[in-house]
PDB file of all heavy atoms in Angstrom:
ATOM      1  N   SER A   1       0.834  -1.194   0.000  1.00  0.00           N
ATOM      2  CA  SER A   1       0.000   0.000   0.000  1.00  0.00           C
ATOM      3  C   SER A   1       0.872   1.248   0.000  1.00  0.00           C
ATOM      4  O   SER A   1       2.078   1.181   0.248  1.00  0.00           O
ATOM      5  CB  SER A   1      -0.945   0.012   1.209  1.00  0.00           C
ATOM      6  OG  SER A   1      -0.216   0.045   2.422  1.00  0.00           O
ATOM      7  N   ARG A   2       0.234   2.389  -0.274  1.00  0.00           N
ATOM      8  CA  ARG A   2       0.921   3.686  -0.300  1.00  0.00           C
ATOM      9  C   ARG A   2       0.292   4.656   0.674  1.00  0.00           C
ATOM     10  O   ARG A   2      -0.924   4.664   0.877  1.00  0.00           O
ATOM     11  CB  ARG A   2       0.836   4.311  -1.694  1.00  0.00           C
ATOM     12  CG  ARG A   2       1.619   3.661  -2.790  1.00  0.00           C
ATOM     13  CD  ARG A   2       1.412   4.451  -4.086  1.00  0.00           C
ATOM     14  NE  ARG A   2       2.214   3.945  -5.184  1.00  0.00           N
ATOM     15  CZ  ARG A   2       3.448   4.348  -5.455  1.00  0.00           C
ATOM     16  NH1 ARG A   2       4.031   5.270  -4.687  1.00  0.00           N
ATOM     17  NH2 ARG A   2       4.102   3.829  -6.488  1.00  0.00           N
ATOM     18  N   ASP A   3       1.127   5.512   1.264  1.00  0.00           N
ATOM     19  CA  ASP A   3       0.679   6.711   1.959  1.00  0.00           C
ATOM     20  C   ASP A   3       1.455   7.857   1.330  1.00  0.00           C
ATOM     21  O   ASP A   3       2.570   8.174   1.743  1.00  0.00           O
ATOM     22  CB  ASP A   3       0.927   6.627   3.455  1.00  0.00           C
ATOM     23  CG  ASP A   3       0.329   7.790   4.220  1.00  0.00           C
ATOM     24  OD1 ASP A   3       0.081   8.855   3.609  1.00  0.00           O
ATOM     25  OD2 ASP A   3       0.101   7.657   5.429  1.00  0.00           O
ATOM     26  N   ASN A   4       0.866   8.474   0.319  1.00  0.00           N
ATOM     27  CA  ASN A   4       1.584   9.490  -0.442  1.00  0.00           C
ATOM     28  C   ASN A   4       1.909  10.727   0.394  1.00  0.00           C
ATOM     29  O   ASN A   4       2.922  11.386   0.152  1.00  0.00           O
ATOM     30  CB  ASN A   4       0.774   9.890  -1.672  1.00  0.00           C
ATOM     31  CG  ASN A   4       0.699   8.779  -2.700  1.00  0.00           C
ATOM     32  OD1 ASN A   4       1.603   7.938  -2.792  1.00  0.00           O
ATOM     33  ND2 ASN A   4      -0.365   8.761  -3.488  1.00  0.00           N
ATOM     34  N   ALA A   5       1.072  11.049   1.368  1.00  0.00           N
ATOM     35  CA  ALA A   5       1.330  12.199   2.226  1.00  0.00           C
ATOM     36  C   ALA A   5       2.610  12.022   3.032  1.00  0.00           C
ATOM     37  O   ALA A   5       3.271  12.999   3.384  1.00  0.00           O
ATOM     38  CB  ALA A   5       0.151  12.451   3.158  1.00  0.00           C
ATOM     39  N   LYS A   6       2.959  10.777   3.344  1.00  0.00           N
ATOM     40  CA  LYS A   6       4.173  10.471   4.092  1.00  0.00           C
ATOM     41  C   LYS A   6       5.311  10.018   3.190  1.00  0.00           C
ATOM     42  O   LYS A   6       6.388   9.671   3.687  1.00  0.00           O
ATOM     43  CB  LYS A   6       3.889   9.400   5.134  1.00  0.00           C
ATOM     44  CG  LYS A   6       2.903   9.821   6.207  1.00  0.00           C
ATOM     45  CD  LYS A   6       2.688   8.712   7.224  1.00  0.00           C
ATOM     46  CE  LYS A   6       1.732   9.154   8.311  1.00  0.00           C
ATOM     47  NZ  LYS A   6       1.498   8.076   9.305  1.00  0.00           N
ATOM     48  N   ASN A   7       5.077  10.002   1.877  1.00  0.00           N
ATOM     49  CA  ASN A   7       6.068   9.538   0.911  1.00  0.00           C
ATOM     50  C   ASN A   7       6.589   8.155   1.301  1.00  0.00           C
ATOM     51  O   ASN A   7       7.799   7.893   1.300  1.00  0.00           O
ATOM     52  CB  ASN A   7       7.234  10.530   0.792  1.00  0.00           C
ATOM     53  CG  ASN A   7       8.018  10.361  -0.495  1.00  0.00           C
ATOM     54  OD1 ASN A   7       7.467  10.009  -1.539  1.00  0.00           O
ATOM     55  ND2 ASN A   7       9.328  10.608  -0.434  1.00  0.00           N
ATOM     56  N   THR A   8       5.656   7.265   1.613  1.00  0.00           N
ATOM     57  CA  THR A   8       5.991   5.951   2.152  1.00  0.00           C
ATOM     58  C   THR A   8       5.169   4.871   1.466  1.00  0.00           C
ATOM     59  O   THR A   8       3.987   5.056   1.184  1.00  0.00           O
ATOM     60  CB  THR A   8       5.733   5.900   3.663  1.00  0.00           C
ATOM     61  OG1 THR A   8       6.519   6.906   4.307  1.00  0.00           O
ATOM     62  CG2 THR A   8       6.108   4.546   4.234  1.00  0.00           C
ATOM     63  N   VAL A   9       5.811   3.743   1.207  1.00  0.00           N
ATOM     64  CA  VAL A   9       5.146   2.540   0.721  1.00  0.00           C
ATOM     65  C   VAL A   9       5.332   1.455   1.772  1.00  0.00           C
ATOM     66  O   VAL A   9       6.426   1.293   2.322  1.00  0.00           O
ATOM     67  CB  VAL A   9       5.698   2.099  -0.644  1.00  0.00           C
ATOM     68  CG1 VAL A   9       5.110   0.753  -1.058  1.00  0.00           C
ATOM     69  CG2 VAL A   9       5.378   3.147  -1.703  1.00  0.00           C
ATOM     70  N   TYR A  10       4.270   0.707   2.037  1.00  0.00           N
ATOM     71  CA  TYR A  10       4.281  -0.306   3.082  1.00  0.00           C
ATOM     72  C   TYR A  10       4.143  -1.702   2.506  1.00  0.00           C
ATOM     73  O   TYR A  10       3.539  -1.911   1.455  1.00  0.00           O
ATOM     74  CB  TYR A  10       3.124  -0.079   4.060  1.00  0.00           C
ATOM     75  CG  TYR A  10       3.133   1.260   4.732  1.00  0.00           C
ATOM     76  CD1 TYR A  10       2.288   2.280   4.291  1.00  0.00           C
ATOM     77  CD2 TYR A  10       3.977   1.519   5.797  1.00  0.00           C
ATOM     78  CE1 TYR A  10       2.287   3.520   4.907  1.00  0.00           C
ATOM     79  CE2 TYR A  10       3.988   2.750   6.421  1.00  0.00           C
ATOM     80  CZ  TYR A  10       3.142   3.749   5.974  1.00  0.00           C
ATOM     81  OH  TYR A  10       3.147   4.973   6.595  1.00  0.00           O
ATOM     82  N   LEU A  11       4.702  -2.658   3.224  1.00  0.00           N
ATOM     83  CA  LEU A  11       4.442  -4.068   2.982  1.00  0.00           C
ATOM     84  C   LEU A  11       3.918  -4.661   4.280  1.00  0.00           C
ATOM     85  O   LEU A  11       4.673  -4.819   5.240  1.00  0.00           O
ATOM     86  CB  LEU A  11       5.702  -4.805   2.521  1.00  0.00           C
ATOM     87  CG  LEU A  11       5.515  -6.303   2.245  1.00  0.00           C
ATOM     88  CD1 LEU A  11       4.576  -6.520   1.067  1.00  0.00           C
ATOM     89  CD2 LEU A  11       6.863  -6.977   1.996  1.00  0.00           C
ATOM     90  N   GLN A  12       2.619  -4.950   4.313  1.00  0.00           N
ATOM     91  CA  GLN A  12       2.009  -5.583   5.470  1.00  0.00           C
ATOM     92  C   GLN A  12       2.109  -7.089   5.308  1.00  0.00           C
ATOM     93  O   GLN A  12       1.624  -7.647   4.326  1.00  0.00           O
ATOM     94  CB  GLN A  12       0.544  -5.163   5.603  1.00  0.00           C
ATOM     95  CG  GLN A  12      -0.188  -5.800   6.769  1.00  0.00           C
ATOM     96  CD  GLN A  12       0.333  -5.334   8.109  1.00  0.00           C
ATOM     97  OE1 GLN A  12       0.521  -4.145   8.317  1.00  0.00           O
ATOM     98  NE2 GLN A  12       0.574  -6.273   9.019  1.00  0.00           N
ATOM     99  N   MET A  13       2.726  -7.747   6.271  1.00  0.00           N
ATOM    100  CA  MET A  13       2.953  -9.182   6.220  1.00  0.00           C
ATOM    101  C   MET A  13       2.226  -9.844   7.386  1.00  0.00           C
ATOM    102  O   MET A  13       2.540  -9.584   8.546  1.00  0.00           O
ATOM    103  CB  MET A  13       4.445  -9.501   6.274  1.00  0.00           C
ATOM    104  CG  MET A  13       5.256  -8.805   5.188  1.00  0.00           C
ATOM    105  SD  MET A  13       6.993  -9.313   5.187  1.00  0.00           S
ATOM    106  CE  MET A  13       7.503  -8.657   6.772  1.00  0.00           C
ATOM    107  N   ASN A  14       1.258 -10.685   7.068  1.00  0.00           N
ATOM    108  CA  ASN A  14       0.479 -11.404   8.066  1.00  0.00           C
ATOM    109  C   ASN A  14       0.703 -12.902   7.925  1.00  0.00           C
ATOM    110  O   ASN A  14       1.167 -13.387   6.893  1.00  0.00           O
ATOM    111  CB  ASN A  14      -1.011 -11.093   7.914  1.00  0.00           C
ATOM    112  CG  ASN A  14      -1.339  -9.637   8.106  1.00  0.00           C
ATOM    113  OD1 ASN A  14      -0.735  -8.947   8.923  1.00  0.00           O
ATOM    114  ND2 ASN A  14      -2.333  -9.151   7.352  1.00  0.00           N
ATOM    115  N   SER A  15       0.346 -13.640   8.965  1.00  0.00           N
ATOM    116  CA  SER A  15       0.467 -15.100   8.966  1.00  0.00           C
ATOM    117  C   SER A  15       1.849 -15.540   8.508  1.00  0.00           C
ATOM    118  O   SER A  15       2.002 -16.416   7.653  1.00  0.00           O
ATOM    119  CB  SER A  15      -0.625 -15.715   8.084  1.00  0.00           C
ATOM    120  OG  SER A  15      -1.914 -15.358   8.526  1.00  0.00           O
ATOM    121  N   LEU A  16       2.861 -14.948   9.093  1.00  0.00           N
ATOM    122  CA  LEU A  16       4.227 -15.201   8.658  1.00  0.00           C
ATOM    123  C   LEU A  16       4.651 -16.640   8.922  1.00  0.00           C
ATOM    124  O   LEU A  16       4.269 -17.247   9.927  1.00  0.00           O
ATOM    125  CB  LEU A  16       5.179 -14.235   9.342  1.00  0.00           C
ATOM    126  CG  LEU A  16       5.162 -12.819   8.758  1.00  0.00           C
ATOM    127  CD1 LEU A  16       5.766 -11.826   9.730  1.00  0.00           C
ATOM    128  CD2 LEU A  16       5.918 -12.791   7.427  1.00  0.00           C
ATOM    129  N   LYS A  17       5.446 -17.149   8.001  1.00  0.00           N
ATOM    130  CA  LYS A  17       5.967 -18.506   8.069  1.00  0.00           C
ATOM    131  C   LYS A  17       7.487 -18.471   8.118  1.00  0.00           C
ATOM    132  O   LYS A  17       8.106 -17.484   7.720  1.00  0.00           O
ATOM    133  CB  LYS A  17       5.505 -19.309   6.852  1.00  0.00           C
ATOM    134  CG  LYS A  17       4.002 -19.354   6.653  1.00  0.00           C
ATOM    135  CD  LYS A  17       3.643 -20.054   5.355  1.00  0.00           C
ATOM    136  CE  LYS A  17       2.144 -20.080   5.137  1.00  0.00           C
ATOM    137  NZ  LYS A  17       1.786 -20.744   3.858  1.00  0.00           N
ATOM    138  N   ALA A  18       8.083 -19.560   8.567  1.00  0.00           N
ATOM    139  CA  ALA A  18       9.530 -19.628   8.657  1.00  0.00           C
ATOM    140  C   ALA A  18      10.184 -19.383   7.304  1.00  0.00           C
ATOM    141  O   ALA A  18      11.252 -18.756   7.225  1.00  0.00           O
ATOM    142  CB  ALA A  18       9.963 -20.976   9.217  1.00  0.00           C
ATOM    143  N   GLU A  19       9.555 -19.843   6.230  1.00  0.00           N
ATOM    144  CA  GLU A  19      10.114 -19.666   4.903  1.00  0.00           C
ATOM    145  C   GLU A  19      10.044 -18.230   4.398  1.00  0.00           C
ATOM    146  O   GLU A  19      10.584 -17.923   3.334  1.00  0.00           O
ATOM    147  CB  GLU A  19       9.439 -20.605   3.897  1.00  0.00           C
ATOM    148  CG  GLU A  19       7.922 -20.517   3.896  1.00  0.00           C
ATOM    149  CD  GLU A  19       7.266 -21.592   4.743  1.00  0.00           C
ATOM    150  OE1 GLU A  19       7.782 -21.880   5.835  1.00  0.00           O
ATOM    151  OE2 GLU A  19       6.244 -22.151   4.304  1.00  0.00           O
ATOM    152  N   ASP A  20       9.380 -17.338   5.141  1.00  0.00           N
ATOM    153  CA  ASP A  20       9.385 -15.918   4.811  1.00  0.00           C
ATOM    154  C   ASP A  20      10.644 -15.218   5.302  1.00  0.00           C
ATOM    155  O   ASP A  20      10.848 -14.037   4.993  1.00  0.00           O
ATOM    156  CB  ASP A  20       8.156 -15.219   5.396  1.00  0.00           C
ATOM    157  CG  ASP A  20       6.851 -15.710   4.790  1.00  0.00           C
ATOM    158  OD1 ASP A  20       6.804 -15.903   3.561  1.00  0.00           O
ATOM    159  OD2 ASP A  20       5.880 -15.890   5.554  1.00  0.00           O
ATOM    160  N   THR A  21      11.466 -15.894   6.076  1.00  0.00           N
ATOM    161  CA  THR A  21      12.704 -15.312   6.571  1.00  0.00           C
ATOM    162  C   THR A  21      13.587 -14.891   5.405  1.00  0.00           C
ATOM    163  O   THR A  21      13.921 -15.701   4.543  1.00  0.00           O
ATOM    164  CB  THR A  21      13.450 -16.307   7.464  1.00  0.00           C
ATOM    165  OG1 THR A  21      12.671 -16.581   8.632  1.00  0.00           O
ATOM    166  CG2 THR A  21      14.797 -15.752   7.889  1.00  0.00           C
ATOM    167  N   ALA A  22      13.962 -13.615   5.373  1.00  0.00           N
ATOM    168  CA  ALA A  22      14.737 -13.082   4.259  1.00  0.00           C
ATOM    169  C   ALA A  22      15.096 -11.632   4.551  1.00  0.00           C
ATOM    170  O   ALA A  22      14.544 -11.012   5.465  1.00  0.00           O
ATOM    171  CB  ALA A  22      13.941 -13.152   2.953  1.00  0.00           C
ATOM    172  N   ILE A  23      16.011 -11.101   3.766  1.00  0.00           N
ATOM    173  CA  ILE A  23      16.211  -9.666   3.707  1.00  0.00           C
ATOM    174  C   ILE A  23      15.227  -9.112   2.690  1.00  0.00           C
ATOM    175  O   ILE A  23      15.177  -9.584   1.556  1.00  0.00           O
ATOM    176  CB  ILE A  23      17.654  -9.302   3.314  1.00  0.00           C
ATOM    177  CG1 ILE A  23      18.644  -9.850   4.335  1.00  0.00           C
ATOM    178  CG2 ILE A  23      17.810  -7.797   3.199  1.00  0.00           C
ATOM    179  CD1 ILE A  23      20.094  -9.652   3.950  1.00  0.00           C
ATOM    180  N   TYR A  24      14.453  -8.122   3.101  1.00  0.00           N
ATOM    181  CA  TYR A  24      13.435  -7.533   2.252  1.00  0.00           C
ATOM    182  C   TYR A  24      13.907  -6.181   1.733  1.00  0.00           C
ATOM    183  O   TYR A  24      14.386  -5.339   2.493  1.00  0.00           O
ATOM    184  CB  TYR A  24      12.116  -7.373   3.007  1.00  0.00           C
ATOM    185  CG  TYR A  24      11.377  -8.679   3.170  1.00  0.00           C
ATOM    186  CD1 TYR A  24      11.805  -9.635   4.076  1.00  0.00           C
ATOM    187  CD2 TYR A  24      10.253  -8.966   2.390  1.00  0.00           C
ATOM    188  CE1 TYR A  24      11.147 -10.844   4.210  1.00  0.00           C
ATOM    189  CE2 TYR A  24       9.595 -10.168   2.520  1.00  0.00           C
ATOM    190  CZ  TYR A  24      10.040 -11.101   3.429  1.00  0.00           C
ATOM    191  OH  TYR A  24       9.379 -12.299   3.561  1.00  0.00           O
ATOM    192  N   TYR A  25      13.763  -5.979   0.430  1.00  0.00           N
ATOM    193  CA  TYR A  25      14.204  -4.768  -0.244  1.00  0.00           C
ATOM    194  C   TYR A  25      13.023  -4.076  -0.907  1.00  0.00           C
ATOM    195  O   TYR A  25      12.128  -4.733  -1.434  1.00  0.00           O
ATOM    196  CB  TYR A  25      15.215  -5.084  -1.345  1.00  0.00           C
ATOM    197  CG  TYR A  25      16.452  -5.811  -0.893  1.00  0.00           C
ATOM    198  CD1 TYR A  25      16.482  -7.199  -0.826  1.00  0.00           C
ATOM    199  CD2 TYR A  25      17.602  -5.114  -0.560  1.00  0.00           C
ATOM    200  CE1 TYR A  25      17.618  -7.873  -0.431  1.00  0.00           C
ATOM    201  CE2 TYR A  25      18.741  -5.776  -0.166  1.00  0.00           C
ATOM    202  CZ  TYR A  25      18.751  -7.153  -0.103  1.00  0.00           C
ATOM    203  OH  TYR A  25      19.880  -7.813   0.286  1.00  0.00           O
ATOM    204  N   CYS A  26      13.044  -2.751  -0.915  1.00  0.00           N
ATOM    205  CA  CYS A  26      12.140  -2.023  -1.785  1.00  0.00           C
ATOM    206  C   CYS A  26      12.946  -1.405  -2.920  1.00  0.00           C
ATOM    207  O   CYS A  26      14.154  -1.180  -2.804  1.00  0.00           O
ATOM    208  CB  CYS A  26      11.331  -0.956  -1.040  1.00  0.00           C
ATOM    209  SG  CYS A  26      12.269   0.429  -0.358  1.00  0.00           S
ATOM    210  N   ALA A  27      12.269  -1.148  -4.031  1.00  0.00           N
ATOM    211  CA  ALA A  27      12.931  -0.629  -5.215  1.00  0.00           C
ATOM    212  C   ALA A  27      11.985   0.285  -5.979  1.00  0.00           C
ATOM    213  O   ALA A  27      10.777   0.052  -6.007  1.00  0.00           O
ATOM    214  CB  ALA A  27      13.393  -1.770  -6.120  1.00  0.00           C
ATOM    215  N   ARG A  28      12.546   1.323  -6.600  1.00  0.00           N
ATOM    216  CA  ARG A  28      11.772   2.248  -7.420  1.00  0.00           C
ATOM    217  C   ARG A  28      11.873   1.859  -8.868  1.00  0.00           C
ATOM    218  O   ARG A  28      12.966   1.622  -9.389  1.00  0.00           O
ATOM    219  CB  ARG A  28      12.274   3.679  -7.237  1.00  0.00           C
ATOM    220  CG  ARG A  28      11.292   4.739  -7.705  1.00  0.00           C
ATOM    221  CD  ARG A  28      11.991   6.001  -8.166  1.00  0.00           C
ATOM    222  NE  ARG A  28      12.472   5.870  -9.529  1.00  0.00           N
ATOM    223  CZ  ARG A  28      13.086   6.831 -10.212  1.00  0.00           C
ATOM    224  NH1 ARG A  28      13.325   8.001  -9.621  1.00  0.00           N
ATOM    225  NH2 ARG A  28      13.478   6.631 -11.458  1.00  0.00           N
ATOM    226  N   GLY A  29      10.743   1.816  -9.541  1.00  0.00           N
ATOM    227  CA  GLY A  29      10.711   1.452 -10.935  1.00  0.00           C
ATOM    228  C   GLY A  29      11.212   2.549 -11.855  1.00  0.00           C
ATOM    229  O   GLY A  29      11.364   3.710 -11.471  1.00  0.00           O
ATOM    230  N   TYR A  30      11.488   2.179 -13.089  1.00  0.00           N
ATOM    231  CA  TYR A  30      11.835   3.153 -14.119  1.00  0.00           C
ATOM    232  C   TYR A  30      10.660   4.066 -14.453  1.00  0.00           C
ATOM    233  O   TYR A  30      10.866   5.241 -14.766  1.00  0.00           O
ATOM    234  CB  TYR A  30      12.267   2.433 -15.399  1.00  0.00           C
ATOM    235  CG  TYR A  30      13.645   1.835 -15.358  1.00  0.00           C
ATOM    236  CD1 TYR A  30      13.837   0.515 -14.969  1.00  0.00           C
ATOM    237  CD2 TYR A  30      14.754   2.586 -15.725  1.00  0.00           C
ATOM    238  CE1 TYR A  30      15.100  -0.034 -14.941  1.00  0.00           C
ATOM    239  CE2 TYR A  30      16.020   2.035 -15.699  1.00  0.00           C
ATOM    240  CZ  TYR A  30      16.181   0.726 -15.308  1.00  0.00           C
ATOM    241  OH  TYR A  30      17.449   0.173 -15.284  1.00  0.00           O
ATOM    242  N   ARG A  31       9.462   3.509 -14.383  1.00  0.00           N
ATOM    243  CA  ARG A  31       8.270   4.231 -14.781  1.00  0.00           C
ATOM    244  C   ARG A  31       7.146   3.992 -13.784  1.00  0.00           C
ATOM    245  O   ARG A  31       7.367   3.435 -12.709  1.00  0.00           O
ATOM    246  CB  ARG A  31       7.859   3.816 -16.203  1.00  0.00           C
ATOM    247  CG  ARG A  31       8.957   4.067 -17.239  1.00  0.00           C
ATOM    248  CD  ARG A  31       8.588   3.569 -18.619  1.00  0.00           C
ATOM    249  NE  ARG A  31       7.533   4.372 -19.225  1.00  0.00           N
ATOM    250  CZ  ARG A  31       7.107   4.217 -20.465  1.00  0.00           C
ATOM    251  NH1 ARG A  31       7.646   3.296 -21.251  1.00  0.00           N
ATOM    252  NH2 ARG A  31       6.137   4.984 -20.934  1.00  0.00           N
TER     253      ARG A  31
END
């Protein structure tokens, strides 16, 4: 989701599993 007023993008993660363990990155697209 986005909160444009805060210039922030969120990733809400629910029902987490052991296999979700990772380094999480965000990235800006070309367009």
